[in-house]
Amino acid sequence: MTSQEVDLLAIAAHRDDVELTCGGTLAKAVRAGHRVGILDLTQGETGTRGDATTRAAEAERAARALGVHVRLNAGLRDAHLQNDEPSRATLIELIRATRPRVVILPFPVGRHPDHRIASELGRDACYLAGLAKYGGAGAAHRPFKILYALAYREDPVKPSFVVDISDSFDIKMTAIRCYASQFDGAKAAGEIHPTGQDLYELIRIQSAHYGSLIRSAYGEPFFCYETLAVADVVQLGVQSL
């Protein structure tokens, strides 16, 4: 395995997106001994707060907090993401370089157009990266599983599953707090709508809600289109009655 290859790769539009939606899951995977990577599609240069240089430094600190092995940036235009041939070619090369078994993408619906387009672009690139004759650098590789981070969505979509992040919630929050330019004093961010409460408290409340669905302190929800297989029904968790 090369230094860039990972077992799990989270792809998102902006620096800080993965920390918000699946940071606890990434930290948990690292603790379990998996190689974990993050691929930010843009540098966040058009964000209302901060700038690309500041956010790059924050992203590096957050990556260290999570313990991830690789953090890459595709250099696509912030607020101008497109699912076009040049963008797919860039992403295909990075997927082939990292060769993940599992990819986490943004949910296909989002407030920010970049979030929606990142989801579609990521899924298409994951498929095309597996075509040996497609062209571009790197040997063909297609991830085995695609998951969608469902956190903060208000759509009537039930999670396919929730990851218990009770033991990694503090790490998630440490990583999120690395983005002081974005979140200190904020009341909303990305897919998180304002309620008047502090943003960090909103994140805790949301994580506690998803945790309660699996009888745990904190959780992160995910959606996948495939039906999940169960090896042993006797070992199923989450008490029914």
C-alpha atoms as a PDB file:
ATOM      1  CA  MET A   1       0.000   0.000   0.000  1.00  0.00           C
ATOM      2  CA  THR A   2       1.419   3.387  -0.991  1.00  0.00           C
ATOM      3  CA  SER A   3       1.445   6.378   1.344  1.00  0.00           C
ATOM      4  CA  GLN A   4      -1.692   7.828  -0.290  1.00  0.00           C
ATOM      5  CA  GLU A   5      -3.764   4.642  -0.296  1.00  0.00           C
ATOM      6  CA  VAL A   6      -6.565   4.394   2.255  1.00  0.00           C
ATOM      7  CA  ASP A   7      -9.363   2.070   3.326  1.00  0.00           C
ATOM      8  CA  LEU A   8     -11.902   4.862   3.857  1.00  0.00           C
ATOM      9  CA  LEU A   9     -12.070   8.166   1.959  1.00  0.00           C
ATOM     10  CA  ALA A  10     -14.436  11.034   2.793  1.00  0.00           C
ATOM     11  CA  ILE A  11     -15.058  13.389  -0.131  1.00  0.00           C
ATOM     12  CA  ALA A  12     -16.664  16.778   0.411  1.00  0.00           C
ATOM     13  CA  ALA A  13     -16.955  20.178  -1.240  1.00  0.00           C
ATOM     14  CA  HIS A  14     -15.295  22.331   1.414  1.00  0.00           C
ATOM     15  CA  ARG A  15     -12.728  22.173   4.170  1.00  0.00           C
ATOM     16  CA  ASP A  16     -14.718  21.533   7.370  1.00  0.00           C
ATOM     17  CA  ASP A  17     -17.592  19.636   5.676  1.00  0.00           C
ATOM     18  CA  VAL A  18     -16.362  16.172   6.642  1.00  0.00           C
ATOM     19  CA  GLU A  19     -15.612  17.230  10.210  1.00  0.00           C
ATOM     20  CA  LEU A  20     -19.224  18.363  10.588  1.00  0.00           C
ATOM     21  CA  THR A  21     -20.896  15.376   8.928  1.00  0.00           C
ATOM     22  CA  CYS A  22     -18.678  12.366   9.622  1.00  0.00           C
ATOM     23  CA  GLY A  23     -15.700  13.452  11.718  1.00  0.00           C
ATOM     24  CA  GLY A  24     -16.552  11.080  14.545  1.00  0.00           C
ATOM     25  CA  THR A  25     -16.802   8.158  12.149  1.00  0.00           C
ATOM     26  CA  LEU A  26     -13.415   8.976  10.623  1.00  0.00           C
ATOM     27  CA  ALA A  27     -11.768   9.207  14.052  1.00  0.00           C
ATOM     28  CA  LYS A  28     -13.388   5.929  15.060  1.00  0.00           C
ATOM     29  CA  ALA A  29     -12.102   4.223  11.910  1.00  0.00           C
ATOM     30  CA  VAL A  30      -8.593   5.480  12.636  1.00  0.00           C
ATOM     31  CA  ARG A  31      -8.793   4.052  16.154  1.00  0.00           C
ATOM     32  CA  ALA A  32      -9.918   0.723  14.669  1.00  0.00           C
ATOM     33  CA  GLY A  33      -6.697   0.558  12.654  1.00  0.00           C
ATOM     34  CA  HIS A  34      -8.001   1.593   9.245  1.00  0.00           C
ATOM     35  CA  ARG A  35      -6.179   3.993   6.947  1.00  0.00           C
ATOM     36  CA  VAL A  36      -8.415   7.019   6.504  1.00  0.00           C
ATOM     37  CA  GLY A  37      -8.286   9.947   4.086  1.00  0.00           C
ATOM     38  CA  ILE A  38     -10.107  13.194   3.348  1.00  0.00           C
ATOM     39  CA  LEU A  39     -10.494  14.758  -0.086  1.00  0.00           C
ATOM     40  CA  ASP A  40     -11.680  18.374  -0.101  1.00  0.00           C
ATOM     41  CA  LEU A  41     -12.791  19.395  -3.581  1.00  0.00           C
ATOM     42  CA  THR A  42     -12.232  23.152  -3.152  1.00  0.00           C
ATOM     43  CA  GLN A  43     -10.091  25.484  -1.065  1.00  0.00           C
ATOM     44  CA  GLY A  44     -13.060  27.378   0.358  1.00  0.00           C
ATOM     45  CA  GLU A  45     -11.878  30.603  -1.223  1.00  0.00           C
ATOM     46  CA  THR A  46     -15.344  32.126  -1.657  1.00  0.00           C
ATOM     47  CA  GLY A  47     -16.531  31.500   1.884  1.00  0.00           C
ATOM     48  CA  THR A  48     -17.994  34.520   3.647  1.00  0.00           C
ATOM     49  CA  ARG A  49     -15.623  34.076   6.570  1.00  0.00           C
ATOM     50  CA  GLY A  50     -11.877  33.463   6.418  1.00  0.00           C
ATOM     51  CA  ASP A  51      -9.818  32.828   3.297  1.00  0.00           C
ATOM     52  CA  ALA A  52      -8.187  29.904   1.490  1.00  0.00           C
ATOM     53  CA  THR A  53      -4.853  30.219   3.306  1.00  0.00           C
ATOM     54  CA  THR A  54      -6.460  30.354   6.744  1.00  0.00           C
ATOM     55  CA  ARG A  55      -8.734  27.437   5.971  1.00  0.00           C
ATOM     56  CA  ALA A  56      -5.814  25.368   4.674  1.00  0.00           C
ATOM     57  CA  ALA A  57      -4.026  25.755   8.009  1.00  0.00           C
ATOM     58  CA  GLU A  58      -7.230  24.968   9.895  1.00  0.00           C
ATOM     59  CA  ALA A  59      -7.803  21.875   7.757  1.00  0.00           C
ATOM     60  CA  GLU A  60      -4.330  20.561   8.553  1.00  0.00           C
ATOM     61  CA  ARG A  61      -4.893  21.035  12.283  1.00  0.00           C
ATOM     62  CA  ALA A  62      -8.271  19.305  12.024  1.00  0.00           C
ATOM     63  CA  ALA A  63      -6.730  16.379  10.116  1.00  0.00           C
ATOM     64  CA  ARG A  64      -4.156  15.926  12.876  1.00  0.00           C
ATOM     65  CA  ALA A  65      -6.902  16.047  15.499  1.00  0.00           C
ATOM     66  CA  LEU A  66      -8.858  13.314  13.704  1.00  0.00           C
ATOM     67  CA  GLY A  67      -5.697  11.288  13.116  1.00  0.00           C
ATOM     68  CA  VAL A  68      -6.383  10.763   9.409  1.00  0.00           C
ATOM     69  CA  HIS A  69      -3.483   9.566   7.291  1.00  0.00           C
ATOM     70  CA  VAL A  70      -4.065  11.612   4.122  1.00  0.00           C
ATOM     71  CA  ARG A  71      -5.735  14.936   3.346  1.00  0.00           C
ATOM     72  CA  LEU A  72      -5.843  16.037  -0.275  1.00  0.00           C
ATOM     73  CA  ASN A  73      -7.364  18.974  -2.138  1.00  0.00           C
ATOM     74  CA  ALA A  74      -8.667  18.775  -5.700  1.00  0.00           C
ATOM     75  CA  GLY A  75      -8.322  22.524  -6.275  1.00  0.00           C
ATOM     76  CA  LEU A  76     -11.726  22.915  -7.932  1.00  0.00           C
ATOM     77  CA  ARG A  77     -13.502  26.295  -7.820  1.00  0.00           C
ATOM     78  CA  ASP A  78     -15.402  26.992  -4.631  1.00  0.00           C
ATOM     79  CA  ALA A  79     -19.079  27.872  -5.250  1.00  0.00           C
ATOM     80  CA  HIS A  80     -18.576  26.925  -8.901  1.00  0.00           C
ATOM     81  CA  LEU A  81     -18.382  23.129  -8.713  1.00  0.00           C
ATOM     82  CA  GLN A  82     -19.474  21.343 -11.861  1.00  0.00           C
ATOM     83  CA  ASN A  83     -19.904  17.697 -12.708  1.00  0.00           C
ATOM     84  CA  ASP A  84     -18.054  18.129 -15.990  1.00  0.00           C
ATOM     85  CA  GLU A  85     -15.320  16.210 -17.790  1.00  0.00           C
ATOM     86  CA  PRO A  86     -12.332  18.165 -16.380  1.00  0.00           C
ATOM     87  CA  SER A  87     -13.651  17.865 -12.821  1.00  0.00           C
ATOM     88  CA  ARG A  88     -14.330  14.145 -13.198  1.00  0.00           C
ATOM     89  CA  ALA A  89     -10.829  13.615 -14.621  1.00  0.00           C
ATOM     90  CA  THR A  90      -9.276  15.350 -11.615  1.00  0.00           C
ATOM     91  CA  LEU A  91     -11.299  13.313  -9.161  1.00  0.00           C
ATOM     92  CA  ILE A  92     -10.735  10.014 -10.983  1.00  0.00           C
ATOM     93  CA  GLU A  93      -6.973  10.483 -10.712  1.00  0.00           C
ATOM     94  CA  LEU A  94      -7.253  11.093  -6.955  1.00  0.00           C
ATOM     95  CA  ILE A  95      -9.542   8.085  -6.424  1.00  0.00           C
ATOM     96  CA  ARG A  96      -7.113   5.877  -8.304  1.00  0.00           C
ATOM     97  CA  ALA A  97      -4.238   7.249  -6.219  1.00  0.00           C
ATOM     98  CA  THR A  98      -5.988   6.642  -2.887  1.00  0.00           C
ATOM     99  CA  ARG A  99      -7.795   3.404  -3.888  1.00  0.00           C
ATOM    100  CA  PRO A 100     -10.390   3.431  -1.078  1.00  0.00           C
ATOM    101  CA  ARG A 101     -12.656   0.487  -0.365  1.00  0.00           C
ATOM    102  CA  VAL A 102     -15.326   2.767   1.111  1.00  0.00           C
ATOM    103  CA  VAL A 103     -16.158   6.346   0.098  1.00  0.00           C
ATOM    104  CA  ILE A 104     -18.301   8.769   2.108  1.00  0.00           C
ATOM    105  CA  LEU A 105     -20.033  11.449   0.013  1.00  0.00           C
ATOM    106  CA  PRO A 106     -22.318  14.375   0.882  1.00  0.00           C
ATOM    107  CA  PHE A 107     -26.018  13.607   0.810  1.00  0.00           C
ATOM    108  CA  PRO A 108     -27.436  14.261  -2.714  1.00  0.00           C
ATOM    109  CA  VAL A 109     -29.651  17.073  -1.386  1.00  0.00           C
ATOM    110  CA  GLY A 110     -28.148  20.198   0.156  1.00  0.00           C
ATOM    111  CA  ARG A 111     -28.588  23.930   0.744  1.00  0.00           C
ATOM    112  CA  HIS A 112     -25.279  24.782  -0.894  1.00  0.00           C
ATOM    113  CA  PRO A 113     -25.151  23.867  -4.612  1.00  0.00           C
ATOM    114  CA  ASP A 114     -21.567  22.653  -4.113  1.00  0.00           C
ATOM    115  CA  HIS A 115     -22.792  19.988  -1.689  1.00  0.00           C
ATOM    116  CA  ARG A 116     -25.301  18.586  -4.168  1.00  0.00           C
ATOM    117  CA  ILE A 117     -22.859  18.696  -7.069  1.00  0.00           C
ATOM    118  CA  ALA A 118     -20.055  17.171  -4.975  1.00  0.00           C
ATOM    119  CA  SER A 119     -22.301  14.197  -4.287  1.00  0.00           C
ATOM    120  CA  GLU A 120     -23.093  13.592  -7.955  1.00  0.00           C
ATOM    121  CA  LEU A 121     -19.537  14.311  -9.090  1.00  0.00           C
ATOM    122  CA  GLY A 122     -18.112  11.957  -6.465  1.00  0.00           C
ATOM    123  CA  ARG A 123     -20.433   9.096  -7.369  1.00  0.00           C
ATOM    124  CA  ASP A 124     -19.773   9.435 -11.100  1.00  0.00           C
ATOM    125  CA  ALA A 125     -16.012   9.633 -10.585  1.00  0.00           C
ATOM    126  CA  CYS A 126     -16.047   6.551  -8.364  1.00  0.00           C
ATOM    127  CA  TYR A 127     -17.688   4.578 -11.143  1.00  0.00           C
ATOM    128  CA  LEU A 128     -15.580   5.925 -13.987  1.00  0.00           C
ATOM    129  CA  ALA A 129     -12.347   5.404 -12.045  1.00  0.00           C
ATOM    130  CA  GLY A 130     -12.980   1.678 -12.410  1.00  0.00           C
ATOM    131  CA  LEU A 131     -13.025   1.751 -16.220  1.00  0.00           C
ATOM    132  CA  ALA A 132      -9.633   0.522 -17.401  1.00  0.00           C
ATOM    133  CA  LYS A 133     -10.010   2.189 -20.805  1.00  0.00           C
ATOM    134  CA  TYR A 134     -11.349   5.507 -19.525  1.00  0.00           C
ATOM    135  CA  GLY A 135      -7.926   7.128 -19.627  1.00  0.00           C
ATOM    136  CA  GLY A 136      -6.050   9.301 -17.197  1.00  0.00           C
ATOM    137  CA  ALA A 137      -3.324   8.520 -14.689  1.00  0.00           C
ATOM    138  CA  GLY A 138      -3.364   5.534 -12.378  1.00  0.00           C
ATOM    139  CA  ALA A 139      -4.587   1.975 -12.539  1.00  0.00           C
ATOM    140  CA  ALA A 140      -8.347   1.437 -12.664  1.00  0.00           C
ATOM    141  CA  HIS A 141     -10.016   1.259  -9.264  1.00  0.00           C
ATOM    142  CA  ARG A 142     -13.663   1.309  -8.215  1.00  0.00           C
ATOM    143  CA  PRO A 143     -14.612   1.647  -4.517  1.00  0.00           C
ATOM    144  CA  PHE A 144     -16.687  -1.223  -3.132  1.00  0.00           C
ATOM    145  CA  LYS A 145     -19.118   0.878  -1.092  1.00  0.00           C
ATOM    146  CA  ILE A 146     -20.489   4.408  -1.312  1.00  0.00           C
ATOM    147  CA  LEU A 147     -22.089   5.949   1.768  1.00  0.00           C
ATOM    148  CA  TYR A 148     -23.839   9.296   2.087  1.00  0.00           C
ATOM    149  CA  ALA A 149     -23.420  11.424   5.218  1.00  0.00           C
ATOM    150  CA  LEU A 150     -26.941  12.337   6.329  1.00  0.00           C
ATOM    151  CA  ALA A 151     -26.228  14.647   9.288  1.00  0.00           C
ATOM    152  CA  TYR A 152     -28.267  17.867   9.583  1.00  0.00           C
ATOM    153  CA  ARG A 153     -30.623  16.962   6.741  1.00  0.00           C
ATOM    154  CA  GLU A 154     -34.257  17.902   7.316  1.00  0.00           C
ATOM    155  CA  ASP A 155     -35.599  15.695   4.520  1.00  0.00           C
ATOM    156  CA  PRO A 156     -37.893  12.803   5.514  1.00  0.00           C
ATOM    157  CA  VAL A 157     -35.109  10.265   4.955  1.00  0.00           C
ATOM    158  CA  LYS A 158     -34.486   7.641   7.606  1.00  0.00           C
ATOM    159  CA  PRO A 159     -30.825   6.739   8.081  1.00  0.00           C
ATOM    160  CA  SER A 160     -29.785   3.357   6.738  1.00  0.00           C
ATOM    161  CA  PHE A 161     -27.621   3.109   9.848  1.00  0.00           C
ATOM    162  CA  VAL A 162     -26.068   5.255  12.568  1.00  0.00           C
ATOM    163  CA  VAL A 163     -22.450   4.984  13.713  1.00  0.00           C
ATOM    164  CA  ASP A 164     -21.947   5.177  17.472  1.00  0.00           C
ATOM    165  CA  ILE A 165     -19.405   7.979  17.949  1.00  0.00           C
ATOM    166  CA  SER A 166     -19.747   8.271  21.722  1.00  0.00           C
ATOM    167  CA  ASP A 167     -16.057   7.465  22.202  1.00  0.00           C
ATOM    168  CA  SER A 168     -14.898   9.783  19.399  1.00  0.00           C
ATOM    169  CA  PHE A 169     -17.313  12.688  19.838  1.00  0.00           C
ATOM    170  CA  ASP A 170     -14.769  14.778  21.733  1.00  0.00           C
ATOM    171  CA  ILE A 171     -12.270  14.245  18.896  1.00  0.00           C
ATOM    172  CA  LYS A 172     -14.921  15.337  16.381  1.00  0.00           C
ATOM    173  CA  MET A 173     -15.534  18.528  18.353  1.00  0.00           C
ATOM    174  CA  THR A 174     -11.809  19.231  18.701  1.00  0.00           C
ATOM    175  CA  ALA A 175     -11.470  18.953  14.914  1.00  0.00           C
ATOM    176  CA  ILE A 176     -14.470  21.222  14.314  1.00  0.00           C
ATOM    177  CA  ARG A 177     -13.095  23.824  16.718  1.00  0.00           C
ATOM    178  CA  CYS A 178      -9.945  24.001  14.587  1.00  0.00           C
ATOM    179  CA  TYR A 179     -12.039  26.066  12.148  1.00  0.00           C
ATOM    180  CA  ALA A 180     -12.222  29.162  14.318  1.00  0.00           C
ATOM    181  CA  SER A 181     -12.505  31.416  11.256  1.00  0.00           C
ATOM    182  CA  GLN A 182     -15.707  29.648  10.278  1.00  0.00           C
ATOM    183  CA  PHE A 183     -17.399  28.664  13.513  1.00  0.00           C
ATOM    184  CA  ASP A 184     -16.406  30.805  16.489  1.00  0.00           C
ATOM    185  CA  GLY A 185     -19.451  32.879  17.348  1.00  0.00           C
ATOM    186  CA  ALA A 186     -21.464  31.310  14.516  1.00  0.00           C
ATOM    187  CA  LYS A 187     -25.137  30.336  14.801  1.00  0.00           C
ATOM    188  CA  ALA A 188     -25.306  28.283  11.579  1.00  0.00           C
ATOM    189  CA  ALA A 189     -23.034  26.598   9.045  1.00  0.00           C
ATOM    190  CA  GLY A 190     -23.471  24.613   5.850  1.00  0.00           C
ATOM    191  CA  GLU A 191     -26.524  22.413   6.294  1.00  0.00           C
ATOM    192  CA  ILE A 192     -27.018  23.469   9.930  1.00  0.00           C
ATOM    193  CA  HIS A 193     -29.912  25.920  10.194  1.00  0.00           C
ATOM    194  CA  PRO A 194     -29.831  28.535  12.974  1.00  0.00           C
ATOM    195  CA  THR A 195     -31.966  28.237  16.104  1.00  0.00           C
ATOM    196  CA  GLY A 196     -30.352  31.093  17.995  1.00  0.00           C
ATOM    197  CA  GLN A 197     -28.097  28.696  19.886  1.00  0.00           C
ATOM    198  CA  ASP A 198     -24.329  28.491  19.640  1.00  0.00           C
ATOM    199  CA  LEU A 199     -23.184  26.388  16.679  1.00  0.00           C
ATOM    200  CA  TYR A 200     -21.104  24.016  18.784  1.00  0.00           C
ATOM    201  CA  GLU A 201     -24.123  23.315  20.977  1.00  0.00           C
ATOM    202  CA  LEU A 202     -26.249  22.704  17.867  1.00  0.00           C
ATOM    203  CA  ILE A 203     -23.732  20.103  16.688  1.00  0.00           C
ATOM    204  CA  ARG A 204     -23.846  18.386  20.079  1.00  0.00           C
ATOM    205  CA  ILE A 205     -27.653  18.344  20.078  1.00  0.00           C
ATOM    206  CA  GLN A 206     -27.807  16.879  16.574  1.00  0.00           C
ATOM    207  CA  SER A 207     -25.221  14.213  17.429  1.00  0.00           C
ATOM    208  CA  ALA A 208     -27.108  13.357  20.612  1.00  0.00           C
ATOM    209  CA  HIS A 209     -30.346  12.972  18.656  1.00  0.00           C
ATOM    210  CA  TYR A 210     -28.818  10.502  16.214  1.00  0.00           C
ATOM    211  CA  GLY A 211     -27.132   8.699  19.081  1.00  0.00           C
ATOM    212  CA  SER A 212     -30.504   8.291  20.805  1.00  0.00           C
ATOM    213  CA  LEU A 213     -31.802   6.396  17.764  1.00  0.00           C
ATOM    214  CA  ILE A 214     -29.301   3.617  18.524  1.00  0.00           C
ATOM    215  CA  ARG A 215     -29.501   4.012  22.341  1.00  0.00           C
ATOM    216  CA  SER A 216     -26.110   5.709  22.516  1.00  0.00           C
ATOM    217  CA  ALA A 217     -24.855   9.108  23.635  1.00  0.00           C
ATOM    218  CA  TYR A 218     -23.772  10.372  20.213  1.00  0.00           C
ATOM    219  CA  GLY A 219     -24.107   9.151  16.646  1.00  0.00           C
ATOM    220  CA  GLU A 220     -23.606  10.058  12.988  1.00  0.00           C
ATOM    221  CA  PRO A 221     -26.253   8.996  10.426  1.00  0.00           C
ATOM    222  CA  PHE A 222     -25.598   7.554   6.984  1.00  0.00           C
ATOM    223  CA  PHE A 223     -27.677   6.562   3.973  1.00  0.00           C
ATOM    224  CA  CYS A 224     -26.947   4.019   1.272  1.00  0.00           C
ATOM    225  CA  TYR A 225     -29.095   2.897  -1.645  1.00  0.00           C
ATOM    226  CA  GLU A 226     -28.288  -0.790  -1.238  1.00  0.00           C
ATOM    227  CA  THR A 227     -30.070  -3.069   1.209  1.00  0.00           C
ATOM    228  CA  LEU A 228     -27.704  -3.890   4.059  1.00  0.00           C
ATOM    229  CA  ALA A 229     -26.901  -7.558   4.669  1.00  0.00           C
ATOM    230  CA  VAL A 230     -27.126  -9.053   8.165  1.00  0.00           C
ATOM    231  CA  ALA A 231     -25.017 -12.106   8.985  1.00  0.00           C
ATOM    232  CA  ASP A 232     -26.699 -13.054  12.284  1.00  0.00           C
ATOM    233  CA  VAL A 233     -30.116 -11.726  13.348  1.00  0.00           C
ATOM    234  CA  VAL A 234     -29.468 -12.874  16.926  1.00  0.00           C
ATOM    235  CA  GLN A 235     -26.663 -10.310  17.189  1.00  0.00           C
ATOM    236  CA  LEU A 236     -28.699  -7.309  15.992  1.00  0.00           C
ATOM    237  CA  GLY A 237     -28.394  -4.244  18.203  1.00  0.00           C
ATOM    238  CA  VAL A 238     -30.834  -1.517  19.344  1.00  0.00           C
ATOM    239  CA  GLN A 239     -33.579  -2.761  21.632  1.00  0.00           C
ATOM    240  CA  SER A 240     -37.060  -2.759  20.118  1.00  0.00           C
ATOM    241  CA  LEU A 241     -39.312  -2.701  23.197  1.00  0.00           C
END
